[in-house]
Amino acid sequence: MSKHTPVPWEVEDDVIVDPITKKVIVNCCETDYSSVINEANARFIVRACNSYEELLAALKQIANRPFALNDAESSIIRRIAKNAIAKVEGENP
């Protein structure tokens, strides 16, 4: 699998670009939606992609951290975190 374009990304109108090179990463305007929705979708994608590494690291800390909760509660929290990690990493939880 190829590596994606390094983040951070940014939105210019409804196009996702590399902020340094200004090369287009994704053109969100070629859809059946309005330009307002296309720009909102582009901003959503950029927020998710730019947050990916930090969110994944936080989930991994949660999944591997001992909790002061009872065993059932901590087990549920760990399972939720591990399922989210698997989804992010492209596995089927």
Protein backbone atom coordinates (compact mmCIF):
# COMPACT_ATOMS: atom_id res chain seq x y z
CA MET A 1 0.00 0.00 0.00
CA SER A 2 1.33 3.44 -0.91
CA LYS A 3 1.99 6.07 1.74
CA HIS A 4 -0.35 9.06 1.70
CA THR A 5 0.76 12.65 1.18
CA PRO A 6 2.25 13.92 4.47
CA VAL A 7 -0.01 15.99 6.70
CA PRO A 8 -0.90 18.66 7.65
CA TRP A 9 -3.23 19.41 4.79
CA GLU A 10 -5.37 22.49 4.32
CA VAL A 11 -8.48 23.54 2.43
CA GLU A 12 -8.54 26.20 -0.26
CA ASP A 13 -12.16 26.69 -1.34
CA ASP A 14 -13.30 23.08 -1.74
CA VAL A 15 -9.89 21.64 -2.68
CA ILE A 16 -7.54 19.87 -0.25
CA VAL A 17 -3.93 20.95 -0.83
CA ASP A 18 -0.44 20.49 0.52
CA PRO A 19 0.15 23.81 2.33
CA ILE A 20 3.81 23.95 1.31
CA THR A 21 3.72 22.94 -2.34
CA LYS A 22 0.08 23.97 -2.95
CA LYS A 23 -0.34 20.75 -4.95
CA VAL A 24 -3.90 19.40 -5.02
CA ILE A 25 -4.39 16.31 -2.87
CA VAL A 26 -8.15 15.95 -3.35
CA ASN A 27 -10.54 17.99 -5.43
CA CYS A 28 -13.86 17.89 -3.57
CA CYS A 29 -15.68 20.10 -6.05
CA GLU A 30 -16.25 17.34 -8.59
CA THR A 31 -19.33 15.95 -6.83
CA ASP A 32 -23.10 16.19 -7.10
CA TYR A 33 -23.23 18.39 -3.98
CA SER A 34 -23.21 22.17 -3.66
CA SER A 35 -19.94 24.05 -3.21
CA VAL A 36 -20.90 24.80 0.41
CA ILE A 37 -21.27 21.09 1.17
CA ASN A 38 -18.13 20.25 -0.81
CA GLU A 39 -16.11 22.73 1.23
CA ALA A 40 -17.59 21.39 4.49
CA ASN A 41 -16.66 17.86 3.39
CA ALA A 42 -13.12 19.00 2.53
CA ARG A 43 -12.73 20.64 5.95
CA PHE A 44 -14.04 17.50 7.65
CA ILE A 45 -11.58 15.30 5.76
CA VAL A 46 -8.67 17.63 6.58
CA ARG A 47 -9.56 17.73 10.31
CA ALA A 48 -9.75 13.94 10.42
CA CYS A 49 -6.52 13.39 8.51
CA ASN A 50 -4.57 16.06 10.39
CA SER A 51 -5.75 14.56 13.73
CA TYR A 52 -5.13 10.92 12.79
CA GLU A 53 -1.73 10.34 14.43
CA GLU A 54 -2.61 12.17 17.65
CA LEU A 55 -5.94 10.36 18.02
CA LEU A 56 -4.38 6.97 17.29
CA ALA A 57 -1.65 7.59 19.89
CA ALA A 58 -4.28 8.58 22.48
CA LEU A 59 -6.33 5.46 21.79
CA LYS A 60 -3.24 3.27 22.13
CA GLN A 61 -2.48 4.85 25.51
CA ILE A 62 -6.05 4.21 26.64
CA ALA A 63 -6.00 0.63 25.35
CA ASN A 64 -2.76 -0.18 27.21
CA ARG A 65 -3.29 1.76 30.43
CA PRO A 66 -4.46 0.21 33.69
CA PHE A 67 -7.65 1.77 35.02
CA ALA A 68 -8.86 2.27 38.58
CA LEU A 69 -12.31 1.16 37.48
CA ASN A 70 -13.73 -2.26 38.12
CA ASP A 71 -12.60 -4.97 35.72
CA ALA A 72 -15.80 -4.95 33.65
CA GLU A 73 -15.68 -1.18 33.05
CA SER A 74 -11.97 -1.11 32.19
CA SER A 75 -12.46 -4.10 29.91
CA ILE A 76 -15.21 -2.26 28.01
CA ILE A 77 -13.07 0.88 27.65
CA ARG A 78 -10.10 -1.14 26.39
CA ARG A 79 -12.29 -3.07 23.92
CA ILE A 80 -13.76 0.17 22.53
CA ALA A 81 -10.28 1.69 22.15
CA LYS A 82 -8.84 -1.47 20.55
CA ASN A 83 -11.76 -1.70 18.09
CA ALA A 84 -11.23 1.94 17.11
CA ILE A 85 -7.48 1.33 16.68
CA ALA A 86 -8.17 -1.68 14.47
CA LYS A 87 -10.55 0.37 12.33
CA VAL A 88 -8.02 3.21 11.98
CA GLU A 89 -5.24 0.78 11.09
CA GLY A 90 -7.42 -0.91 8.45
CA GLU A 91 -8.17 -4.10 10.34
CA ASN A 92 -11.62 -5.54 10.97
CA PRO A 93 -12.27 -5.53 14.73
